[in-house]
N, C-alpha and C. Protein backbone atom coordinates (compact mmCIF):
# COMPACT_ATOMS: atom_id res chain seq x y z
N MET A 1 43.18 95.98 123.54
CA MET A 1 42.24 96.67 124.02
C MET A 1 42.98 98.36 123.34
N ARG A 2 41.97 99.21 122.84
CA ARG A 2 42.27 100.39 121.88
C ARG A 2 42.26 101.70 122.88
N HIS A 3 42.40 101.52 124.14
CA HIS A 3 41.79 102.74 125.01
C HIS A 3 43.20 103.90 124.68
N GLY A 4 42.84 105.03 124.60
CA GLY A 4 43.60 106.00 124.26
C GLY A 4 44.38 105.74 123.11
N ILE A 5 43.79 105.46 122.24
CA ILE A 5 44.71 105.18 120.92
C ILE A 5 43.82 105.91 119.75
N LYS A 6 44.14 106.84 119.37
CA LYS A 6 43.45 108.20 118.34
C LYS A 6 43.58 107.92 116.89
N LYS A 7 45.02 107.21 116.51
CA LYS A 7 45.43 107.22 115.26
C LYS A 7 44.43 105.96 114.51
N LYS A 8 44.27 106.59 113.21
CA LYS A 8 43.33 105.71 112.16
C LYS A 8 44.20 104.68 111.66
N LYS A 9 43.86 103.72 111.22
CA LYS A 9 44.69 102.63 110.84
C LYS A 9 44.27 102.43 109.51
N PHE A 10 43.22 102.86 108.52
CA PHE A 10 43.12 103.06 107.26
C PHE A 10 42.95 101.36 106.69
N ASN A 11 42.86 100.47 107.43
CA ASN A 11 42.66 98.93 106.80
C ASN A 11 44.22 98.85 105.90
N ARG A 12 45.41 99.33 106.98
CA ARG A 12 46.67 98.85 106.29
C ARG A 12 47.73 98.87 107.38
N SER A 13 48.78 98.10 106.93
CA SER A 13 49.72 97.78 107.87
C SER A 13 50.48 99.05 108.20
N LYS A 14 51.49 98.95 109.38
CA LYS A 14 52.20 100.27 109.58
C LYS A 14 52.93 100.49 108.35
N GLY A 15 53.77 99.75 107.84
CA GLY A 15 54.62 100.35 106.65
C GLY A 15 53.43 100.99 105.49
N GLU A 16 52.51 100.22 105.28
CA GLU A 16 51.69 100.93 104.08
C GLU A 16 51.14 102.19 104.57
N ARG A 17 50.85 102.40 105.89
CA ARG A 17 50.40 103.56 106.36
C ARG A 17 51.21 104.90 106.50
N ASP A 18 52.36 104.51 106.95
CA ASP A 18 53.69 105.47 106.98
C ASP A 18 53.70 105.56 105.24
N SER A 19 53.78 104.79 104.38
CA SER A 19 54.37 105.26 102.94
C SER A 19 53.09 106.24 102.36
N LEU A 20 51.98 105.81 102.75
CA LEU A 20 50.50 106.80 102.31
C LEU A 20 50.93 107.82 102.96
N TYR A 21 51.39 108.21 104.31
CA TYR A 21 51.43 109.62 104.82
C TYR A 21 52.54 110.27 103.73
N ARG A 22 53.76 109.63 103.71
CA ARG A 22 54.83 110.09 103.09
C ARG A 22 54.60 110.78 101.62
N ASN A 23 54.02 109.59 100.79
CA ASN A 23 53.23 110.29 99.68
C ASN A 23 52.12 111.55 99.66
N LEU A 24 50.94 111.64 100.35
CA LEU A 24 50.43 112.40 100.69
C LEU A 24 51.11 113.81 100.92
N VAL A 25 52.01 113.75 102.12
CA VAL A 25 52.82 114.89 102.41
C VAL A 25 53.62 115.38 101.33
N GLN A 26 54.31 114.35 100.44
CA GLN A 26 54.97 114.88 99.56
C GLN A 26 54.40 115.34 98.24
N SER A 27 52.96 115.06 97.91
CA SER A 27 52.38 115.67 96.88
C SER A 27 51.77 116.93 97.27
N LEU A 28 51.41 117.27 98.59
CA LEU A 28 50.96 118.50 99.36
C LEU A 28 52.09 119.71 98.75
N PHE A 29 53.52 118.98 99.21
CA PHE A 29 54.60 120.33 99.17
C PHE A 29 54.90 120.34 97.94
N LEU A 30 54.75 119.40 96.83
CA LEU A 30 55.09 119.71 95.21
C LEU A 30 53.69 120.46 94.64
N SER A 31 52.62 120.10 94.80
CA SER A 31 51.33 120.91 94.19
C SER A 31 50.94 122.07 94.99
N GLU A 32 51.15 121.71 96.31
CA GLU A 32 50.62 122.88 97.24
C GLU A 32 48.94 123.00 97.76
N ARG A 33 48.64 121.70 97.27
CA ARG A 33 47.07 121.60 97.44
C ARG A 33 46.65 120.32 96.94
N ILE A 34 45.90 119.41 97.78
CA ILE A 34 45.85 118.08 97.57
C ILE A 34 44.24 117.87 97.97
N THR A 35 43.60 117.05 97.15
CA THR A 35 41.99 116.65 97.44
C THR A 35 42.19 115.32 98.20
N THR A 36 41.79 115.03 99.05
CA THR A 36 41.70 113.64 99.90
C THR A 36 40.57 113.48 100.56
N THR A 37 40.57 112.38 101.21
CA THR A 37 39.48 112.01 102.20
C THR A 37 39.66 112.81 103.66
N LEU A 38 38.89 113.19 104.31
CA LEU A 38 38.85 114.22 105.50
C LEU A 38 39.63 113.57 106.45
N ALA A 39 39.45 112.29 106.61
CA ALA A 39 40.41 111.38 107.69
C ALA A 39 41.68 111.72 107.24
N LYS A 40 42.23 111.16 106.18
CA LYS A 40 43.29 111.33 105.38
C LYS A 40 44.05 112.61 105.81
N ALA A 41 43.17 113.99 105.41
CA ALA A 41 43.62 114.99 105.58
C ALA A 41 43.92 115.73 107.46
N LYS A 42 43.18 114.81 108.10
CA LYS A 42 43.34 115.34 109.35
C LYS A 42 44.49 114.75 110.13
N ILE A 43 44.70 113.64 109.47
CA ILE A 43 45.92 112.89 109.73
C ILE A 43 47.30 113.61 109.26
N VAL A 44 47.32 113.79 108.30
CA VAL A 44 48.35 114.26 107.58
C VAL A 44 49.02 115.93 107.78
N ARG A 45 47.72 116.23 108.47
CA ARG A 45 47.99 117.76 108.81
C ARG A 45 49.29 118.23 109.82
N PRO A 46 49.11 117.45 110.83
CA PRO A 46 50.03 117.51 111.54
C PRO A 46 51.58 117.21 111.28
N ILE A 47 51.62 116.09 110.62
CA ILE A 47 52.74 115.35 109.83
C ILE A 47 53.83 116.90 109.24
N ALA A 48 52.78 117.15 108.10
CA ALA A 48 53.25 118.54 107.16
C ALA A 48 53.58 119.42 107.96
N GLU A 49 53.01 119.94 109.04
CA GLU A 49 53.30 120.95 109.82
C GLU A 49 54.59 121.09 110.58
N LYS A 50 54.79 120.07 111.12
CA LYS A 50 55.98 119.54 111.56
C LYS A 50 57.38 119.52 110.90
N LEU A 51 57.38 119.21 109.40
CA LEU A 51 57.90 119.19 108.31
C LEU A 51 58.17 120.46 108.16
N ILE A 52 57.38 121.61 108.12
CA ILE A 52 57.39 122.95 107.78
C ILE A 52 58.32 123.73 108.77
N THR A 53 57.75 123.43 110.03
CA THR A 53 58.53 123.92 111.49
C THR A 53 59.98 123.34 111.31
N ARG A 54 60.13 122.38 110.90
CA ARG A 54 61.89 121.68 110.85
C ARG A 54 62.73 122.59 109.82
N ALA A 55 62.04 122.44 108.69
CA ALA A 55 62.40 123.16 107.26
C ALA A 55 62.46 124.69 107.53
N LYS A 56 61.96 125.64 108.80
CA LYS A 56 62.20 126.60 108.91
C LYS A 56 63.65 126.93 109.62
N LYS A 57 64.10 126.21 110.22
CA LYS A 57 65.29 126.22 111.10
C LYS A 57 66.39 126.20 110.06
N GLN A 58 66.39 125.75 108.83
CA GLN A 58 67.42 126.09 107.75
C GLN A 58 69.06 125.37 108.39
N ASP A 59 69.04 124.30 109.05
CA ASP A 59 70.00 123.97 109.52
C ASP A 59 70.47 122.49 108.59
N LEU A 60 71.66 121.87 108.82
CA LEU A 60 72.12 120.92 108.06
C LEU A 60 71.21 119.34 108.80
N SER A 61 71.23 119.63 109.97
CA SER A 61 70.53 118.54 110.62
C SER A 61 68.66 118.27 110.05
N SER A 62 68.30 119.57 110.02
CA SER A 62 67.13 119.30 109.43
C SER A 62 66.60 119.15 108.05
N ARG A 63 67.62 119.89 107.49
CA ARG A 63 67.62 119.46 105.81
C ARG A 63 67.80 117.71 105.63
N ARG A 64 68.41 117.03 106.13
CA ARG A 64 68.91 115.62 105.84
C ARG A 64 67.33 114.63 106.82
N ARG A 65 66.92 115.25 107.85
CA ARG A 65 65.65 114.63 108.28
C ARG A 65 64.74 114.80 107.31
N ILE A 66 64.28 115.90 106.72
CA ILE A 66 63.10 116.13 105.73
C ILE A 66 63.68 115.06 104.56
N SER A 67 64.80 115.24 104.20
CA SER A 67 65.01 114.41 102.76
C SER A 67 64.92 113.07 103.42
N ALA A 68 65.03 112.64 104.50
CA ALA A 68 64.96 110.93 104.75
C ALA A 68 63.52 110.56 104.61
N PHE A 69 62.73 111.73 105.27
CA PHE A 69 61.35 111.68 105.30
C PHE A 69 60.39 111.81 103.90
N LEU A 70 60.86 112.50 102.92
CA LEU A 70 60.30 112.82 101.67
C LEU A 70 60.72 111.74 100.86
N TYR A 71 60.53 111.13 99.54
CA TYR A 71 60.86 110.37 98.70
C TYR A 71 61.97 111.14 97.65
N THR A 72 61.43 111.99 97.20
CA THR A 72 62.25 113.01 96.23
C THR A 72 62.80 113.97 96.43
N GLU A 73 63.94 114.40 96.26
CA GLU A 73 65.07 115.58 96.17
C GLU A 73 64.08 116.62 96.00
N GLU A 74 63.19 116.53 94.81
CA GLU A 74 62.62 117.75 94.52
C GLU A 74 61.47 118.52 95.59
N ALA A 75 60.50 117.39 96.11
CA ALA A 75 59.81 117.99 97.30
C ALA A 75 60.75 118.68 98.70
N ALA A 76 61.62 117.82 98.85
CA ALA A 76 62.61 118.35 99.86
C ALA A 76 63.33 119.48 99.71
N GLU A 77 63.47 120.02 98.56
CA GLU A 77 64.12 121.34 97.97
C GLU A 77 63.30 122.38 97.80
N LYS A 78 61.65 121.74 97.59
CA LYS A 78 60.95 122.92 97.53
C LYS A 78 60.18 123.39 99.01
N LEU A 79 60.40 122.44 99.94
CA LEU A 79 60.08 122.75 101.21
C LEU A 79 61.07 123.48 101.67
N TYR A 80 62.51 123.50 101.55
CA TYR A 80 63.53 123.78 102.36
C TYR A 80 63.42 125.18 101.59
N LYS A 81 63.58 125.21 100.33
CA LYS A 81 63.92 126.80 99.78
C LYS A 81 62.70 127.74 99.38
N ASP A 82 61.53 126.99 99.35
CA ASP A 82 60.45 128.22 98.98
C ASP A 82 59.21 128.21 100.20
N ILE A 83 58.95 126.73 100.68
CA ILE A 83 57.77 126.95 101.33
C ILE A 83 58.08 127.33 102.77
N SER A 84 58.99 126.86 103.35
CA SER A 84 59.95 127.29 104.57
C SER A 84 59.88 128.86 104.82
N LEU A 85 60.37 129.46 103.55
CA LEU A 85 60.36 130.63 103.32
C LEU A 85 59.41 131.71 103.60
N ARG A 86 58.38 131.09 102.79
CA ARG A 86 56.97 131.74 102.81
C ARG A 86 56.53 131.98 104.57
N PHE A 87 56.63 130.91 104.93
CA PHE A 87 56.14 130.93 106.71
C PHE A 87 57.00 131.39 107.69
N LYS A 88 58.51 132.12 107.33
CA LYS A 88 59.45 132.34 108.45
C LYS A 88 58.92 133.25 109.33
N ASP A 89 57.38 134.08 109.20
CA ASP A 89 56.94 134.85 110.04
C ASP A 89 55.84 134.41 110.82
N HIS A 90 55.54 133.00 110.41
CA HIS A 90 54.07 132.16 110.93
C HIS A 90 54.85 131.55 112.25
N ALA A 91 54.19 131.15 113.29
CA ALA A 91 54.28 130.37 114.27
C ALA A 91 53.18 128.86 114.34
N GLY A 92 53.23 128.73 113.02
CA GLY A 92 52.21 127.34 113.08
C GLY A 92 51.08 127.69 112.43
N GLY A 93 50.10 126.66 111.97
CA GLY A 93 49.02 126.79 111.31
C GLY A 93 49.35 127.25 110.00
N TYR A 94 49.95 126.32 109.34
CA TYR A 94 50.48 126.74 107.89
C TYR A 94 49.45 125.83 106.87
N LEU A 95 48.55 125.20 107.26
CA LEU A 95 47.52 124.37 106.47
C LEU A 95 46.28 124.87 106.86
N ARG A 96 45.28 124.29 105.90
CA ARG A 96 44.04 124.59 106.32
C ARG A 96 43.33 123.14 105.47
N ILE A 97 42.42 122.69 106.03
CA ILE A 97 41.37 122.01 105.49
C ILE A 97 39.92 122.64 105.30
N LEU A 98 39.94 122.49 104.13
CA LEU A 98 38.30 122.72 103.36
C LEU A 98 37.55 121.40 103.09
N LYS A 99 36.22 121.48 103.61
CA LYS A 99 35.69 120.48 103.68
C LYS A 99 34.91 120.52 102.31
N LEU A 100 34.75 119.51 101.94
CA LEU A 100 33.81 119.43 100.55
C LEU A 100 32.63 118.54 100.70
N GLY A 101 31.93 118.34 99.76
CA GLY A 101 30.88 117.09 99.93
C GLY A 101 31.30 115.80 99.85
N PRO A 102 30.32 114.79 100.07
CA PRO A 102 30.52 113.32 99.96
C PRO A 102 30.92 112.99 98.46
N ARG A 103 31.76 112.01 98.44
CA ARG A 103 32.60 111.67 97.03
C ARG A 103 31.18 110.54 96.65
N LYS A 104 31.07 110.64 95.39
CA LYS A 104 29.84 110.20 94.76
C LYS A 104 29.75 108.83 94.79
N SER A 105 30.90 108.02 94.60
CA SER A 105 31.09 106.55 94.81
C SER A 105 30.28 106.18 96.07
N ASP A 106 31.00 106.56 97.19
CA ASP A 106 30.74 105.63 98.55
C ASP A 106 30.56 106.65 99.55
N ARG A 107 30.24 108.08 99.13
CA ARG A 107 29.64 108.90 100.22
C ARG A 107 30.85 109.19 101.19
N THR A 108 31.92 109.30 100.97
CA THR A 108 33.13 109.34 101.55
C THR A 108 33.34 110.95 101.78
N PRO A 109 33.16 111.63 102.98
CA PRO A 109 33.46 112.87 103.14
C PRO A 109 34.94 113.12 102.38
N MET A 110 34.89 114.32 101.86
CA MET A 110 36.16 114.55 101.03
C MET A 110 36.53 115.99 101.67
N ALA A 111 37.95 116.64 101.38
CA ALA A 111 38.40 117.90 101.62
C ALA A 111 39.55 118.14 100.90
N ILE A 112 39.86 119.37 100.88
CA ILE A 112 41.37 119.95 100.15
C ILE A 112 42.04 120.34 101.40
N LEU A 113 43.20 119.98 101.30
CA LEU A 113 44.28 120.14 102.24
C LEU A 113 45.34 121.15 101.31
N GLU A 114 45.59 122.49 102.02
CA GLU A 114 46.34 123.30 100.99
C GLU A 114 46.81 124.20 102.04
N LEU A 115 48.08 124.50 101.71
CA LEU A 115 48.86 126.10 102.07
C LEU A 115 48.06 126.89 102.61
N ILE A 116 48.30 127.57 103.57
CA ILE A 116 47.41 128.83 103.89
C ILE A 116 48.30 130.31 102.89
N ILE A 117 49.42 130.15 102.54
CA ILE A 117 50.04 131.26 101.55
C ILE A 117 50.73 130.28 100.52
N ARG A 118 49.67 130.37 99.23
CA ARG A 118 50.07 129.60 98.27
C ARG A 118 50.67 130.91 97.08
N LYS A 119 51.89 130.16 96.38
CA LYS A 119 52.31 130.91 95.60
C LYS A 119 51.47 131.14 94.39
N GLU A 120 51.31 132.39 93.75
CA GLU A 120 50.39 132.63 92.84
C GLU A 120 50.90 131.94 91.46
N GLY A 121 49.91 131.39 90.68
CA GLY A 121 50.50 130.79 89.76
C GLY A 121 50.47 131.65 88.36
N LYS A 122 50.71 131.62 87.47
CA LYS A 122 50.77 132.22 86.14
C LYS A 122 49.13 132.67 86.00
N ALA A 123 49.03 134.19 85.82
CA ALA A 123 48.06 134.72 85.78
C ALA A 123 47.43 134.33 84.24
N LYS A 124 45.92 133.78 84.52
CA LYS A 124 45.04 133.78 83.55
C LYS A 124 44.67 134.77 82.71
N PRO A 125 44.49 134.83 81.39
CA PRO A 125 43.85 136.15 80.78
C PRO A 125 42.46 135.99 81.30
N GLU A 126 41.84 137.36 81.27
CA GLU A 126 40.58 137.60 81.67
C GLU A 126 39.44 137.35 80.54
N LYS A 127 38.60 136.88 80.99
CA LYS A 127 37.84 135.96 79.96
C LYS A 127 36.82 137.44 79.39
N LYS A 128 36.88 137.50 78.05
CA LYS A 128 35.89 138.74 77.78
C LYS A 128 34.35 138.50 78.20
N THR A 129 33.82 139.57 78.66
CA THR A 129 32.27 139.16 78.92
C THR A 129 31.29 139.16 77.56
N LYS A 130 30.37 138.96 77.63
CA LYS A 130 29.59 139.23 76.48
C LYS A 130 29.32 140.63 76.08
N GLU A 131 29.61 142.07 76.87
CA GLU A 131 29.50 143.16 76.44
C GLU A 131 30.81 143.59 75.87
N ALA A 132 31.72 142.93 76.47
CA ALA A 132 33.06 143.51 75.95
C ALA A 132 33.03 142.89 74.50
N LYS A 133 32.65 141.48 74.38
CA LYS A 133 32.50 140.92 72.95
C LYS A 133 31.78 141.88 71.94
N LYS A 134 31.04 142.11 72.39
CA LYS A 134 29.77 143.10 71.77
C LYS A 134 30.53 144.36 71.09
N GLU A 135 31.13 144.99 72.15
CA GLU A 135 31.76 146.21 71.98
C GLU A 135 32.66 146.01 70.92
N VAL A 136 33.52 144.99 70.75
CA VAL A 136 34.55 144.79 69.90
C VAL A 136 34.25 144.57 68.49
N LYS A 137 32.99 143.87 68.58
CA LYS A 137 32.50 143.48 67.34
C LYS A 137 31.81 144.88 66.71
N THR A 138 31.15 145.78 67.58
CA THR A 138 30.70 146.97 67.07
C THR A 138 31.84 148.01 66.62
N LYS A 139 32.72 147.88 66.99
CA LYS A 139 34.11 148.72 66.84
C LYS A 139 34.76 148.15 65.39
N GLU A 140 34.65 146.83 65.07
CA GLU A 140 35.13 146.14 63.73
C GLU A 140 34.32 146.45 62.56
N ALA A 141 33.03 146.46 63.17
CA ALA A 141 32.24 146.72 62.06
C ALA A 141 31.98 148.32 61.67
N LYS A 142 32.02 148.93 62.42
CA LYS A 142 31.98 150.56 62.05
C LYS A 142 33.53 150.71 61.36
N LYS A 143 34.46 150.16 61.58
CA LYS A 143 35.73 150.03 60.76
C LYS A 143 35.56 149.65 59.46
N GLU A 144 34.87 148.60 59.12
CA GLU A 144 34.66 148.05 57.99
C GLU A 144 33.36 148.93 57.30
N THR A 145 32.73 149.41 58.06
CA THR A 145 31.70 150.28 56.92
C THR A 145 32.65 151.60 56.55
N LYS A 146 33.52 152.02 57.46
CA LYS A 146 34.27 152.97 56.83
C LYS A 146 34.99 152.83 56.23
N GLU A 147 35.77 151.87 56.10
CA GLU A 147 36.56 151.47 54.92
C GLU A 147 35.94 151.24 53.56
N THR A 148 34.72 150.26 53.77
CA THR A 148 33.84 150.11 52.43
C THR A 148 33.29 151.67 51.85
N LYS A 149 32.96 152.27 52.40
CA LYS A 149 32.79 154.17 52.28
C LYS A 149 33.85 154.46 51.52
N GLU A 150 35.20 154.49 52.31
CA GLU A 150 36.12 155.07 51.55
C GLU A 150 36.63 154.64 50.45
N SER A 151 36.39 153.28 50.06
CA SER A 151 36.84 152.71 49.04
C SER A 151 35.68 152.64 47.83
N LYS A 152 34.41 152.97 48.48
CA LYS A 152 33.59 153.29 47.17
C LYS A 152 33.69 154.88 46.65
N GLU A 153 34.31 155.87 47.67
CA GLU A 153 34.43 157.08 47.43
C GLU A 153 35.85 157.24 46.38
N GLN A 154 36.90 156.50 46.57
CA GLN A 154 38.03 156.44 45.83
C GLN A 154 37.73 156.21 44.10
N LYS A 155 36.88 155.01 44.42
CA LYS A 155 36.64 154.50 42.84
C LYS A 155 35.63 155.51 42.04
């Protein structure tokens, strides 16, 4: 009987489930934002938050436990050196779940799982609006007409 058992099985064996959680957590730490199903996001969130809390201790034991859980050293280093330092003043609640609509193929509820403090990426250049493009074109057109008038006067 399953009384009191709240964990989802995701139609996988224990090893497959654990591997799924580790892969999702690792992807979350590397990209700082993942899109997954709502059920998986709800399961992975406390696992990732416990790892961030452990990384905030900045001791050898924590570092070894984190490295043992995550598959790549790159993810462990990013968690230990970057993410944990961003959350040193927070006492929990490092992740947020943003609900998306259902997936097109099977109507499964989707969600975005992300860190609440994300590192700002490279700034994208601002897109020119239609008005700004018109101003640039009119300035260029005025310059061209002045240049053509000057060239005609010199001849």
